Amino acid sequence: MSEINYIGLDVHQETISVAVLNGSGKLVMESIIETKAATILQFIRSLRGQLHVTFEEGTWAAWLYDLLRPAVYRLVVCNPRRNALLKEGSKSDKVDARKLAELLRGGLLRPVYHGEHGLRTLRELARSYSILSKDMTRVMNRIKAIYRGWGIPCAGMQVYDPRYRAQWLHKIPEAGVRRRAEIFYQHLDGLHILRQKARRQLLEESRKHKPSKWLCQIPCIGPIRAALLMALMQTPYRFRSKRQLWTYSGLGIETHDSAQYRYVDGRLQRSKKPQQLRGLNQNHNHQMKEIFKSAATTAAHRGGPFEDFYARLLAKGMKPEMARLTLARKIAAITLTIWKEGARFDANQLTAQAA
């Protein structure tokens, strides 16, 4: 059996600090190499044995994953938020690389999914569309902040409409502020054109993939949400069950118990009222949560099977916010089932089991 080597990479723009541990945990090599494809591959190929490699998710992660995956036995892109050991004691690039190798050897790393190469174009287009959408929101908020700063009511969307723009600009008495508003309007117009272009390209690319048709059957999962879901999830087989998808999407319930047991007359008993905190999990994909929650909010008032499902929850005495959460979880569960099975949407699935 070949020897196992655990390799930790602390990646930076110009250099990578490398630490290599053998199977017994002994440090056998430390090095600093240049962050170039040829140099990295040359170093990896110079090592013998079964190579297990890890580095943290970041700017270079996708490129480095594609580069190293064919050259090593196992590759783990880890979640930096979960690596508490790296924050303890002295910190340097060499120390971080060594700790990463130790965590990999101990099986203590939480991996970040990398894998579906066929969706790379869709993922990049989805990222562009999402970034442009966020930029538009920021500019729109800045425009309204100008009017509010001068005590001018500006509720609604009319303030952004080019047809009424001259009227709104005329309300600003100070010339310099009015000029700043004009610049923001020009910025908004430019972003709108780019966002429309990104949207068209995203939809064109998403139509090349079969799951797009399956997901669009689900009420309130339109072409854009379907494309974003494909780009973010990449494959439904990442999630063994709906509960794993709920956790990834920030819809999972976390319970924190304390003082669960007590002694009564010398006998151990479970407390009837333990100190318990319940809430949604904090570590999640925020875009996924926004997609399912916005779909649930829309579906709850648009008619159809989802609105009926929402109404039944309210009739049982459930609070509206909890009913929307339950509906979002149900939409996520149906999305996972339809994508895995390639099946058609069936409204009867809403009554099969509560989310």
Protein backbone atom coordinates (compact mmCIF):
# COMPACT_ATOMS: atom_id res chain seq x y z
CA MET A 1 0.00 0.00 0.00
CA SER A 2 1.40 3.42 -1.00
CA GLU A 3 2.20 5.96 1.66
CA ILE A 4 -0.40 8.66 2.36
CA ASN A 5 0.67 12.31 2.37
CA TYR A 6 -1.53 15.12 3.67
CA ILE A 7 -0.83 18.46 2.00
CA GLY A 8 -2.03 21.84 3.27
CA LEU A 9 -1.90 24.83 0.93
CA ASP A 10 -2.13 28.42 2.20
CA VAL A 11 -2.87 30.24 -1.05
CA HIS A 12 -2.04 33.88 -1.79
CA GLN A 13 -1.84 36.02 -4.90
CA GLU A 14 1.87 35.50 -5.54
CA THR A 15 2.90 32.54 -3.38
CA ILE A 16 1.55 29.34 -1.83
CA SER A 17 2.86 28.01 1.47
CA VAL A 18 2.89 24.22 1.49
CA ALA A 19 3.08 21.76 4.38
CA VAL A 20 3.27 17.98 3.87
CA LEU A 21 2.50 15.48 6.65
CA ASN A 22 2.95 11.73 6.36
CA GLY A 23 0.43 9.16 7.54
CA SER A 24 1.68 9.29 11.14
CA GLY A 25 1.35 13.07 11.28
CA LYS A 26 5.05 13.90 11.01
CA LEU A 27 5.99 17.06 9.08
CA VAL A 28 8.12 15.84 6.18
CA MET A 29 8.29 18.96 4.02
CA GLU A 30 7.62 22.69 4.03
CA SER A 31 7.96 24.90 0.99
CA ILE A 32 6.89 28.15 -0.64
CA ILE A 33 6.04 27.99 -4.33
CA GLU A 34 4.85 30.51 -6.90
CA THR A 35 1.13 30.76 -7.62
CA LYS A 36 1.45 29.56 -11.21
CA ALA A 37 -0.11 26.47 -12.78
CA ALA A 38 3.15 24.99 -14.09
CA THR A 39 4.95 25.47 -10.76
CA ILE A 40 2.11 23.98 -8.72
CA LEU A 41 1.78 20.90 -10.93
CA GLN A 42 5.55 20.38 -10.98
CA PHE A 43 5.61 20.40 -7.18
CA ILE A 44 2.64 18.03 -6.83
CA ARG A 45 4.09 15.58 -9.35
CA SER A 46 7.39 15.54 -7.47
CA LEU A 47 5.64 13.97 -4.45
CA ARG A 48 5.12 10.24 -4.08
CA GLY A 49 2.33 8.21 -2.56
CA GLN A 50 -1.37 8.86 -2.14
CA LEU A 51 -1.84 12.64 -2.09
CA HIS A 52 -4.62 14.23 -0.01
CA VAL A 53 -4.70 18.00 -0.56
CA THR A 54 -6.65 20.84 1.04
CA PHE A 55 -6.89 24.60 0.78
CA GLU A 56 -9.48 27.18 1.82
CA GLU A 57 -12.35 28.46 -0.30
CA GLY A 58 -11.51 31.86 -1.78
CA THR A 59 -10.73 33.80 -4.93
CA TRP A 60 -8.40 31.14 -6.30
CA ALA A 61 -10.43 28.10 -5.27
CA ALA A 62 -12.25 27.27 -8.54
CA TRP A 63 -9.11 27.63 -10.66
CA LEU A 64 -6.96 25.65 -8.26
CA TYR A 65 -9.59 22.91 -7.89
CA ASP A 66 -9.76 22.38 -11.67
CA LEU A 67 -5.96 22.37 -11.84
CA LEU A 68 -5.29 19.88 -9.04
CA ARG A 69 -8.27 17.51 -9.17
CA PRO A 70 -6.83 15.23 -11.89
CA ALA A 71 -3.39 15.16 -10.23
CA VAL A 72 -4.23 14.06 -6.65
CA TYR A 73 -6.07 11.23 -4.93
CA ARG A 74 -8.35 13.45 -2.80
CA LEU A 75 -8.97 17.19 -2.85
CA VAL A 76 -10.87 19.10 -0.16
CA VAL A 77 -11.77 22.77 -0.59
CA CYS A 78 -12.61 23.68 3.01
CA ASN A 79 -14.83 26.31 4.55
CA PRO A 80 -12.60 28.95 6.23
CA ARG A 81 -15.38 29.94 8.63
CA ARG A 82 -15.22 26.49 10.23
CA ASN A 83 -11.43 26.38 10.76
CA ALA A 84 -11.29 27.61 14.35
CA LEU A 85 -7.88 25.99 14.90
CA LEU A 86 -6.27 28.48 12.50
CA LYS A 87 -7.21 31.34 14.82
CA GLU A 88 -5.37 29.89 17.83
CA GLY A 89 -1.77 30.69 18.71
CA SER A 90 0.80 32.22 16.40
CA LYS A 91 -0.26 32.89 12.84
CA SER A 92 1.80 32.82 9.65
CA ASP A 93 1.48 31.31 6.18
CA LYS A 94 3.62 28.29 7.13
CA VAL A 95 1.70 27.74 10.37
CA ASP A 96 -1.65 27.96 8.56
CA ALA A 97 -0.54 25.45 5.91
CA ARG A 98 0.61 23.04 8.62
CA LYS A 99 -2.66 23.37 10.55
CA LEU A 100 -4.68 22.77 7.38
CA ALA A 101 -2.73 19.55 6.77
CA GLU A 102 -3.35 18.48 10.38
CA LEU A 103 -7.07 19.17 10.09
CA LEU A 104 -7.22 17.21 6.84
CA ARG A 105 -5.42 14.25 8.42
CA GLY A 106 -7.85 14.33 11.36
CA GLY A 107 -10.92 14.48 9.12
CA LEU A 108 -12.00 17.76 10.74
CA LEU A 109 -12.55 19.89 7.65
CA ARG A 110 -15.98 20.93 6.32
CA PRO A 111 -15.78 20.71 2.48
CA VAL A 112 -17.18 23.30 0.08
CA TYR A 113 -18.75 21.75 -3.01
CA HIS A 114 -16.86 22.01 -6.29
CA GLY A 115 -17.59 19.67 -9.13
CA GLU A 116 -20.02 20.22 -12.00
CA HIS A 117 -17.80 21.44 -14.86
CA GLY A 118 -20.67 21.40 -17.36
CA LEU A 119 -22.34 24.26 -15.48
CA ARG A 120 -19.35 26.60 -15.31
CA THR A 121 -20.74 28.99 -17.96
CA LEU A 122 -24.16 29.04 -16.29
CA ARG A 123 -22.57 29.71 -12.90
CA GLU A 124 -20.55 32.65 -14.20
CA LEU A 125 -23.56 34.17 -15.98
CA ALA A 126 -25.68 33.73 -12.84
CA ARG A 127 -22.98 35.42 -10.77
CA SER A 128 -22.89 38.35 -13.22
CA TYR A 129 -26.67 38.72 -13.16
CA SER A 130 -26.79 38.61 -9.35
CA ILE A 131 -24.00 41.17 -8.95
CA LEU A 132 -25.62 43.58 -11.43
CA SER A 133 -28.97 43.19 -9.63
CA LYS A 134 -27.33 44.08 -6.30
CA ASP A 135 -25.55 47.05 -7.88
CA MET A 136 -28.86 48.33 -9.26
CA THR A 137 -30.44 48.06 -5.82
CA ARG A 138 -27.58 50.05 -4.27
CA VAL A 139 -27.86 52.83 -6.86
CA MET A 140 -31.65 52.97 -6.45
CA ASN A 141 -31.22 53.32 -2.70
CA ARG A 142 -28.73 56.16 -3.22
CA ILE A 143 -31.18 57.99 -5.47
CA LYS A 144 -33.96 57.77 -2.91
CA ALA A 145 -31.53 58.81 -0.16
CA ILE A 146 -30.96 62.10 -2.02
CA TYR A 147 -34.67 62.91 -2.09
CA ARG A 148 -35.20 61.87 1.51
CA GLY A 149 -32.23 64.01 2.53
CA TRP A 150 -34.15 67.04 1.23
CA GLY A 151 -37.46 66.00 2.79
CA ILE A 152 -39.01 64.98 -0.56
CA PRO A 153 -41.38 61.96 -0.29
CA CYS A 154 -40.34 59.34 -2.87
CA ALA A 155 -42.23 56.14 -2.14
CA GLY A 156 -42.83 53.71 -4.98
CA MET A 157 -41.01 53.15 -8.27
CA GLN A 158 -42.02 56.28 -10.19
CA VAL A 159 -38.88 58.09 -9.03
CA TYR A 160 -36.80 55.78 -11.25
CA ASP A 161 -39.01 55.99 -14.36
CA PRO A 162 -37.28 57.94 -17.19
CA ARG A 163 -40.66 59.44 -18.19
CA TYR A 164 -40.97 61.30 -14.87
CA ARG A 165 -37.29 61.93 -14.25
CA ALA A 166 -37.36 65.65 -15.18
CA GLN A 167 -40.22 66.24 -12.74
CA TRP A 168 -38.35 64.57 -9.90
CA LEU A 169 -35.10 66.39 -10.60
CA HIS A 170 -36.97 69.71 -10.61
CA LYS A 171 -37.99 69.07 -6.99
CA ILE A 172 -34.36 69.29 -5.84
CA PRO A 173 -33.61 72.99 -5.17
CA GLU A 174 -29.80 72.80 -4.94
CA ALA A 175 -27.94 72.57 -8.29
CA GLY A 176 -25.04 70.45 -7.01
CA VAL A 177 -27.33 67.87 -5.44
CA ARG A 178 -29.45 67.82 -8.59
CA ARG A 179 -26.32 67.11 -10.65
CA ARG A 180 -25.40 64.25 -8.32
CA ALA A 181 -28.87 62.76 -8.79
CA GLU A 182 -28.44 63.01 -12.57
CA ILE A 183 -25.16 61.07 -12.35
CA PHE A 184 -26.84 58.34 -10.30
CA TYR A 185 -29.65 58.16 -12.85
CA GLN A 186 -27.07 57.69 -15.62
CA HIS A 187 -25.40 55.00 -13.54
CA LEU A 188 -28.77 53.27 -13.09
CA ASP A 189 -29.50 53.40 -16.84
CA GLY A 190 -26.14 51.82 -17.64
CA LEU A 191 -26.65 49.06 -15.10
CA HIS A 192 -30.15 48.42 -16.44
CA ILE A 193 -28.80 47.80 -19.95
CA LEU A 194 -26.06 45.49 -18.66
CA ARG A 195 -28.50 43.60 -16.43
CA GLN A 196 -30.89 43.02 -19.33
CA LYS A 197 -28.01 41.69 -21.42
CA ALA A 198 -26.87 39.41 -18.58
CA ARG A 199 -30.46 38.20 -18.13
CA ARG A 200 -30.80 37.25 -21.80
CA GLN A 201 -27.51 35.37 -21.77
CA LEU A 202 -28.43 33.59 -18.52
CA LEU A 203 -31.78 32.43 -19.92
CA GLU A 204 -30.21 31.30 -23.21
CA GLU A 205 -27.62 29.23 -21.34
CA SER A 206 -30.14 27.76 -18.88
CA ARG A 207 -32.33 26.45 -21.73
CA LYS A 208 -29.46 24.16 -22.73
CA HIS A 209 -29.96 22.14 -19.54
CA LYS A 210 -32.90 19.77 -18.98
CA PRO A 211 -33.52 20.64 -15.31
CA SER A 212 -34.59 24.12 -16.39
CA LYS A 213 -37.80 22.73 -17.93
CA TRP A 214 -38.48 20.54 -14.91
CA LEU A 215 -38.03 23.36 -12.40
CA CYS A 216 -40.12 25.85 -14.37
CA GLN A 217 -43.15 23.57 -13.85
CA ILE A 218 -43.16 24.54 -10.17
CA PRO A 219 -45.43 27.55 -9.53
CA CYS A 220 -43.41 30.72 -8.80
CA ILE A 221 -40.14 29.11 -9.93
CA GLY A 222 -39.81 30.96 -13.21
CA PRO A 223 -36.95 30.84 -15.74
CA ILE A 224 -34.69 33.18 -13.73
CA ARG A 225 -35.16 31.39 -10.41
CA ALA A 226 -34.68 28.05 -12.16
CA ALA A 227 -31.43 29.24 -13.76
CA LEU A 228 -30.13 30.59 -10.45
CA LEU A 229 -31.05 27.37 -8.64
CA MET A 230 -29.16 25.29 -11.21
CA ALA A 231 -26.13 27.55 -10.94
CA LEU A 232 -26.10 27.50 -7.13
CA MET A 233 -26.99 23.86 -6.48
CA GLN A 234 -25.24 22.45 -9.59
CA THR A 235 -26.58 18.95 -8.86
CA PRO A 236 -29.39 17.74 -6.57
CA TYR A 237 -27.38 14.68 -5.58
CA ARG A 238 -25.28 16.85 -3.29
CA PHE A 239 -28.23 16.64 -0.90
CA ARG A 240 -29.17 13.22 0.43
CA SER A 241 -32.46 14.52 1.82
CA LYS A 242 -34.63 17.60 1.87
CA ARG A 243 -33.34 18.49 5.34
CA GLN A 244 -29.82 18.88 4.00
CA LEU A 245 -31.16 21.25 1.34
CA TRP A 246 -33.09 23.20 4.00
CA THR A 247 -29.90 23.61 6.02
CA TYR A 248 -27.92 24.72 2.96
CA SER A 249 -30.68 27.24 2.16
CA GLY A 250 -30.97 28.67 5.68
CA LEU A 251 -34.36 27.03 6.25
CA GLY A 252 -33.19 24.39 8.73
CA ILE A 253 -34.23 24.54 12.37
CA GLU A 254 -31.45 24.57 14.97
CA THR A 255 -32.16 23.71 18.59
CA HIS A 256 -29.78 24.56 21.45
CA ASP A 257 -30.62 22.75 24.69
CA SER A 258 -29.11 23.26 28.10
CA ALA A 259 -29.81 21.81 31.58
CA GLN A 260 -31.66 18.84 30.08
CA TYR A 261 -31.31 16.65 33.18
CA ARG A 262 -31.58 17.08 36.94
CA TYR A 263 -31.48 14.97 40.09
CA VAL A 264 -34.74 14.47 42.04
CA ASP A 265 -34.50 12.48 45.29
CA GLY A 266 -31.17 11.09 44.16
CA ARG A 267 -32.50 9.89 40.79
CA LEU A 268 -31.58 11.32 37.38
CA GLN A 269 -34.59 12.69 35.52
CA ARG A 270 -35.02 14.56 32.25
CA SER A 271 -36.17 18.13 32.84
CA LYS A 272 -39.70 18.88 31.66
CA LYS A 273 -38.77 22.44 30.75
CA PRO A 274 -35.16 22.53 29.55
CA GLN A 275 -33.54 25.81 28.61
CA GLN A 276 -34.03 25.68 24.86
CA LEU A 277 -33.39 28.07 21.97
CA ARG A 278 -34.80 27.42 18.48
CA GLY A 279 -34.13 29.27 15.27
CA LEU A 280 -33.00 29.02 11.66
CA ASN A 281 -29.41 27.97 10.98
CA GLN A 282 -27.05 30.90 10.44
CA ASN A 283 -24.42 29.25 8.23
CA HIS A 284 -26.11 28.98 4.82
CA ASN A 285 -26.20 30.15 1.21
CA HIS A 286 -27.96 33.52 1.34
CA GLN A 287 -28.95 33.50 -2.35
CA MET A 288 -30.68 30.14 -1.98
CA LYS A 289 -32.61 31.42 1.02
CA GLU A 290 -33.67 34.54 -0.87
CA ILE A 291 -34.88 32.46 -3.85
CA PHE A 292 -37.07 30.12 -1.79
CA LYS A 293 -38.40 32.82 0.55
CA SER A 294 -39.27 35.20 -2.30
CA ALA A 295 -40.93 32.33 -4.19
CA ALA A 296 -42.99 31.50 -1.08
CA THR A 297 -43.98 35.15 -0.55
CA THR A 298 -45.15 35.41 -4.17
CA ALA A 299 -46.90 32.03 -4.18
CA ALA A 300 -48.84 32.79 -0.99
CA HIS A 301 -50.89 35.49 -2.75
CA ARG A 302 -50.91 34.51 -6.42
CA GLY A 303 -53.52 31.75 -6.44
CA GLY A 304 -53.05 28.11 -7.20
CA PRO A 305 -52.02 25.11 -5.09
CA PHE A 306 -49.38 26.95 -3.07
CA GLU A 307 -51.83 29.63 -1.97
CA ASP A 308 -54.27 26.89 -0.92
CA PHE A 309 -51.47 25.20 1.04
CA TYR A 310 -50.64 28.53 2.72
CA ALA A 311 -54.30 29.17 3.54
CA ARG A 312 -54.63 25.75 5.19
CA LEU A 313 -51.65 26.53 7.40
CA LEU A 314 -53.20 29.81 8.49
CA ALA A 315 -56.51 28.06 9.15
CA LYS A 316 -54.70 25.73 11.57
CA GLY A 317 -53.66 28.77 13.60
CA MET A 318 -50.09 29.10 12.30
CA LYS A 319 -48.64 32.61 12.27
CA PRO A 320 -48.16 34.14 8.77
CA GLU A 321 -44.36 34.28 9.03
CA MET A 322 -44.18 30.62 10.08
CA ALA A 323 -46.63 29.68 7.33
CA ARG A 324 -44.40 31.39 4.73
CA LEU A 325 -41.36 29.57 6.15
CA THR A 326 -43.21 26.25 5.93
CA LEU A 327 -44.23 27.03 2.35
CA ALA A 328 -40.61 27.92 1.45
CA ARG A 329 -39.47 24.58 2.90
CA LYS A 330 -42.16 22.78 0.91
CA ILE A 331 -41.09 24.52 -2.33
CA ALA A 332 -37.47 23.54 -1.63
CA ALA A 333 -38.45 19.91 -0.98
CA ILE A 334 -40.50 19.72 -4.19
CA THR A 335 -37.65 21.33 -6.14
CA LEU A 336 -35.24 18.66 -4.92
CA THR A 337 -37.67 15.80 -5.71
CA ILE A 338 -38.54 17.00 -9.21
CA TRP A 339 -34.89 17.66 -10.10
CA LYS A 340 -33.72 14.25 -8.87
CA GLU A 341 -36.52 12.27 -10.51
CA GLY A 342 -37.08 14.40 -13.61
CA ALA A 343 -40.78 14.21 -12.80
CA ARG A 344 -43.66 16.58 -13.46
CA PHE A 345 -45.05 18.85 -10.76
CA ASP A 346 -48.01 17.31 -8.95
CA ALA A 347 -50.15 19.49 -6.70
CA ASN A 348 -50.97 16.39 -4.62
CA GLN A 349 -47.40 16.53 -3.30
CA LEU A 350 -48.47 19.46 -1.16
CA THR A 351 -50.74 17.27 0.95
CA ALA A 352 -48.47 14.22 1.17
CA GLN A 353 -46.34 15.45 4.08
CA ALA A 354 -45.94 18.74 5.89
CA ALA A 355 -42.66 20.55 5.38
